[in-house]
Amino acid sequence: LYAAQEKWAAAQQAFFEAYSLDNENPDYALNLAVSLDRMGQSRPARDYYEKAVELADKRPASFTTSDVLTRLQALRQLQSS
């Protein structure tokens, strides 16, 4: 709901709470990454994107790993420039 309304701070808090309850859920890690990314917190977002990809190797996810890897590459390029 918060993400749909672009209330990223509230979304980040809700996603962090969900991730805290199940830190093996790749979708929760991705949602947290996206909310941090949208708030301009690229370094922690990168960490959670990486975690989401790692978790998706162990458990089904609702996202395509290649899409997340593409975003990770873009963040790396931004941070290195």
N, C-alpha and C. Protein backbone atom coordinates (compact mmCIF):
# COMPACT_ATOMS: atom_id res chain seq x y z
N LEU A 1 0.82 -1.19 0.00
CA LEU A 1 0.00 0.00 0.00
C LEU A 1 0.87 1.26 0.00
N TYR A 2 1.87 1.30 0.91
CA TYR A 2 2.73 2.48 0.98
C TYR A 2 3.53 2.67 -0.30
N ALA A 3 4.04 1.58 -0.85
CA ALA A 3 4.81 1.67 -2.09
C ALA A 3 3.92 2.17 -3.22
N ALA A 4 2.72 1.66 -3.31
CA ALA A 4 1.79 2.10 -4.36
C ALA A 4 1.49 3.59 -4.25
N GLN A 5 1.52 4.10 -3.04
CA GLN A 5 1.27 5.52 -2.79
C GLN A 5 2.56 6.34 -2.81
N GLU A 6 3.68 5.66 -3.08
CA GLU A 6 5.01 6.28 -3.09
C GLU A 6 5.36 6.93 -1.75
N LYS A 7 4.91 6.33 -0.69
CA LYS A 7 5.29 6.75 0.67
C LYS A 7 6.45 5.85 1.08
N TRP A 8 7.64 6.17 0.56
CA TRP A 8 8.78 5.26 0.66
C TRP A 8 9.30 5.07 2.06
N ALA A 9 9.26 6.09 2.90
CA ALA A 9 9.74 5.93 4.28
C ALA A 9 8.85 4.94 5.04
N ALA A 10 7.56 5.08 4.89
CA ALA A 10 6.63 4.15 5.55
C ALA A 10 6.76 2.75 4.95
N ALA A 11 6.93 2.69 3.63
CA ALA A 11 7.12 1.39 2.97
C ALA A 11 8.40 0.73 3.47
N GLN A 12 9.46 1.49 3.57
CA GLN A 12 10.74 0.94 4.04
C GLN A 12 10.59 0.36 5.43
N GLN A 13 9.90 1.06 6.30
CA GLN A 13 9.70 0.57 7.66
C GLN A 13 8.89 -0.73 7.66
N ALA A 14 7.83 -0.77 6.88
CA ALA A 14 7.00 -1.98 6.80
C ALA A 14 7.79 -3.15 6.20
N PHE A 15 8.57 -2.87 5.17
CA PHE A 15 9.36 -3.93 4.54
C PHE A 15 10.46 -4.42 5.48
N PHE A 16 11.05 -3.51 6.24
CA PHE A 16 12.07 -3.93 7.20
C PHE A 16 11.46 -4.82 8.28
N GLU A 17 10.28 -4.48 8.75
CA GLU A 17 9.60 -5.31 9.74
C GLU A 17 9.31 -6.70 9.17
N ALA A 18 8.83 -6.76 7.95
CA ALA A 18 8.56 -8.06 7.31
C ALA A 18 9.85 -8.86 7.16
N TYR A 19 10.91 -8.21 6.71
CA TYR A 19 12.19 -8.88 6.54
C TYR A 19 12.73 -9.37 7.89
N SER A 20 12.52 -8.59 8.93
CA SER A 20 12.97 -9.00 10.27
C SER A 20 12.25 -10.26 10.74
N LEU A 21 11.01 -10.42 10.33
CA LEU A 21 10.23 -11.60 10.72
C LEU A 21 10.61 -12.83 9.90
N ASP A 22 11.09 -12.62 8.67
CA ASP A 22 11.48 -13.73 7.80
C ASP A 22 12.62 -13.28 6.90
N ASN A 23 13.84 -13.32 7.43
CA ASN A 23 14.98 -12.82 6.69
C ASN A 23 15.53 -13.82 5.66
N GLU A 24 14.77 -14.87 5.40
CA GLU A 24 15.11 -15.81 4.33
C GLU A 24 14.17 -15.65 3.13
N ASN A 25 13.28 -14.67 3.18
CA ASN A 25 12.31 -14.44 2.12
C ASN A 25 12.91 -13.47 1.09
N PRO A 26 13.17 -13.95 -0.14
CA PRO A 26 13.78 -13.08 -1.14
C PRO A 26 12.90 -11.89 -1.53
N ASP A 27 11.60 -12.07 -1.51
CA ASP A 27 10.71 -10.96 -1.86
C ASP A 27 10.77 -9.84 -0.82
N TYR A 28 10.88 -10.21 0.44
CA TYR A 28 11.00 -9.19 1.48
C TYR A 28 12.31 -8.42 1.33
N ALA A 29 13.38 -9.12 1.03
CA ALA A 29 14.67 -8.45 0.82
C ALA A 29 14.60 -7.51 -0.37
N LEU A 30 13.95 -7.96 -1.44
CA LEU A 30 13.82 -7.10 -2.62
C LEU A 30 12.98 -5.87 -2.32
N ASN A 31 11.85 -6.05 -1.66
CA ASN A 31 10.99 -4.91 -1.33
C ASN A 31 11.75 -3.89 -0.48
N LEU A 32 12.52 -4.37 0.45
CA LEU A 32 13.32 -3.47 1.27
C LEU A 32 14.35 -2.74 0.42
N ALA A 33 14.99 -3.47 -0.49
CA ALA A 33 15.98 -2.85 -1.38
C ALA A 33 15.35 -1.75 -2.23
N VAL A 34 14.20 -2.04 -2.81
CA VAL A 34 13.53 -1.05 -3.66
C VAL A 34 13.16 0.19 -2.87
N SER A 35 12.65 0.01 -1.67
CA SER A 35 12.26 1.19 -0.87
C SER A 35 13.48 2.02 -0.52
N LEU A 36 14.59 1.38 -0.16
CA LEU A 36 15.82 2.12 0.14
C LEU A 36 16.34 2.83 -1.11
N ASP A 37 16.28 2.14 -2.23
CA ASP A 37 16.72 2.71 -3.51
C ASP A 37 15.91 3.95 -3.84
N ARG A 38 14.60 3.87 -3.69
CA ARG A 38 13.72 5.00 -3.99
C ARG A 38 13.96 6.19 -3.06
N MET A 39 14.49 5.91 -1.87
CA MET A 39 14.77 6.98 -0.91
C MET A 39 16.19 7.51 -1.08
N GLY A 40 16.91 7.02 -2.10
CA GLY A 40 18.25 7.51 -2.37
C GLY A 40 19.34 6.89 -1.52
N GLN A 41 19.03 5.80 -0.85
CA GLN A 41 20.02 5.12 0.00
C GLN A 41 20.60 3.95 -0.79
N SER A 42 21.43 4.29 -1.77
CA SER A 42 21.89 3.28 -2.73
C SER A 42 22.79 2.21 -2.13
N ARG A 43 23.63 2.55 -1.17
CA ARG A 43 24.52 1.53 -0.61
C ARG A 43 23.75 0.44 0.14
N PRO A 44 22.88 0.79 1.11
CA PRO A 44 22.11 -0.27 1.75
C PRO A 44 21.16 -0.96 0.78
N ALA A 45 20.64 -0.23 -0.21
CA ALA A 45 19.78 -0.85 -1.22
C ALA A 45 20.55 -1.93 -1.96
N ARG A 46 21.77 -1.62 -2.32
CA ARG A 46 22.62 -2.59 -3.01
C ARG A 46 22.79 -3.86 -2.19
N ASP A 47 23.02 -3.69 -0.90
CA ASP A 47 23.19 -4.85 -0.02
C ASP A 47 21.95 -5.75 -0.03
N TYR A 48 20.78 -5.13 0.03
CA TYR A 48 19.54 -5.92 0.05
C TYR A 48 19.20 -6.49 -1.32
N TYR A 49 19.56 -5.78 -2.39
CA TYR A 49 19.40 -6.39 -3.72
C TYR A 49 20.26 -7.65 -3.82
N GLU A 50 21.50 -7.56 -3.35
CA GLU A 50 22.39 -8.72 -3.38
C GLU A 50 21.83 -9.86 -2.54
N LYS A 51 21.30 -9.52 -1.38
CA LYS A 51 20.70 -10.53 -0.50
C LYS A 51 19.49 -11.17 -1.17
N ALA A 52 18.68 -10.39 -1.84
CA ALA A 52 17.49 -10.92 -2.53
C ALA A 52 17.90 -11.94 -3.58
N VAL A 53 18.94 -11.62 -4.35
CA VAL A 53 19.42 -12.55 -5.38
C VAL A 53 19.93 -13.83 -4.73
N GLU A 54 20.69 -13.68 -3.66
CA GLU A 54 21.22 -14.84 -2.94
C GLU A 54 20.09 -15.72 -2.41
N LEU A 55 19.08 -15.11 -1.82
CA LEU A 55 17.96 -15.86 -1.26
C LEU A 55 17.11 -16.52 -2.34
N ALA A 56 17.04 -15.89 -3.50
CA ALA A 56 16.24 -16.45 -4.60
C ALA A 56 16.84 -17.75 -5.13
N ASP A 57 18.11 -17.97 -4.85
CA ASP A 57 18.74 -19.25 -5.23
C ASP A 57 18.28 -20.38 -4.31
N LYS A 58 17.77 -20.02 -3.14
CA LYS A 58 17.40 -21.02 -2.14
C LYS A 58 15.89 -21.20 -1.99
N ARG A 59 15.14 -20.21 -2.43
CA ARG A 59 13.70 -20.19 -2.17
C ARG A 59 13.00 -19.49 -3.33
N PRO A 60 11.81 -19.92 -3.71
CA PRO A 60 11.10 -19.26 -4.81
C PRO A 60 10.88 -17.76 -4.55
N ALA A 61 10.97 -17.00 -5.61
CA ALA A 61 10.79 -15.55 -5.52
C ALA A 61 9.81 -15.10 -6.60
N SER A 62 9.20 -13.97 -6.38
CA SER A 62 8.24 -13.45 -7.35
C SER A 62 8.88 -12.50 -8.35
N PHE A 63 10.20 -12.41 -8.34
CA PHE A 63 10.92 -11.51 -9.24
C PHE A 63 11.89 -12.30 -10.11
N THR A 64 12.33 -11.65 -11.15
CA THR A 64 13.32 -12.23 -12.05
C THR A 64 14.70 -11.78 -11.61
N THR A 65 15.54 -12.72 -11.31
CA THR A 65 16.88 -12.40 -10.82
C THR A 65 17.64 -11.50 -11.79
N SER A 66 17.48 -11.73 -13.07
CA SER A 66 18.21 -10.91 -14.06
C SER A 66 17.84 -9.43 -13.96
N ASP A 67 16.58 -9.13 -13.64
CA ASP A 67 16.17 -7.73 -13.47
C ASP A 67 16.88 -7.10 -12.27
N VAL A 68 17.01 -7.85 -11.20
CA VAL A 68 17.68 -7.34 -10.01
C VAL A 68 19.16 -7.14 -10.30
N LEU A 69 19.76 -8.07 -11.00
CA LEU A 69 21.18 -7.95 -11.35
C LEU A 69 21.43 -6.74 -12.25
N THR A 70 20.48 -6.44 -13.13
CA THR A 70 20.60 -5.25 -13.97
C THR A 70 20.59 -3.99 -13.12
N ARG A 71 19.71 -3.93 -12.14
CA ARG A 71 19.66 -2.76 -11.25
C ARG A 71 20.93 -2.66 -10.42
N LEU A 72 21.42 -3.79 -9.94
CA LEU A 72 22.67 -3.79 -9.18
C LEU A 72 23.82 -3.23 -10.01
N GLN A 73 23.90 -3.64 -11.26
CA GLN A 73 24.96 -3.13 -12.14
C GLN A 73 24.85 -1.63 -12.32
N ALA A 74 23.63 -1.14 -12.48
CA ALA A 74 23.42 0.31 -12.63
C ALA A 74 23.86 1.05 -11.36
N LEU A 75 23.53 0.52 -10.20
CA LEU A 75 23.96 1.16 -8.95
C LEU A 75 25.47 1.16 -8.82
N ARG A 76 26.11 0.07 -9.18
CA ARG A 76 27.58 -0.01 -9.13
C ARG A 76 28.20 1.04 -10.04
N GLN A 77 27.64 1.20 -11.22
CA GLN A 77 28.17 2.20 -12.16
C GLN A 77 27.99 3.61 -11.62
N LEU A 78 26.86 3.88 -11.01
CA LEU A 78 26.62 5.19 -10.42
C LEU A 78 27.59 5.49 -9.29
N GLN A 79 27.86 4.49 -8.48
CA GLN A 79 28.74 4.68 -7.33
C GLN A 79 30.20 4.79 -7.73
N SER A 80 30.57 4.23 -8.88
CA SER A 80 31.97 4.28 -9.29
C SER A 80 32.27 5.54 -10.10
N SER A 81 31.25 6.28 -10.49
CA SER A 81 31.50 7.49 -11.29
C SER A 81 31.58 8.73 -10.45
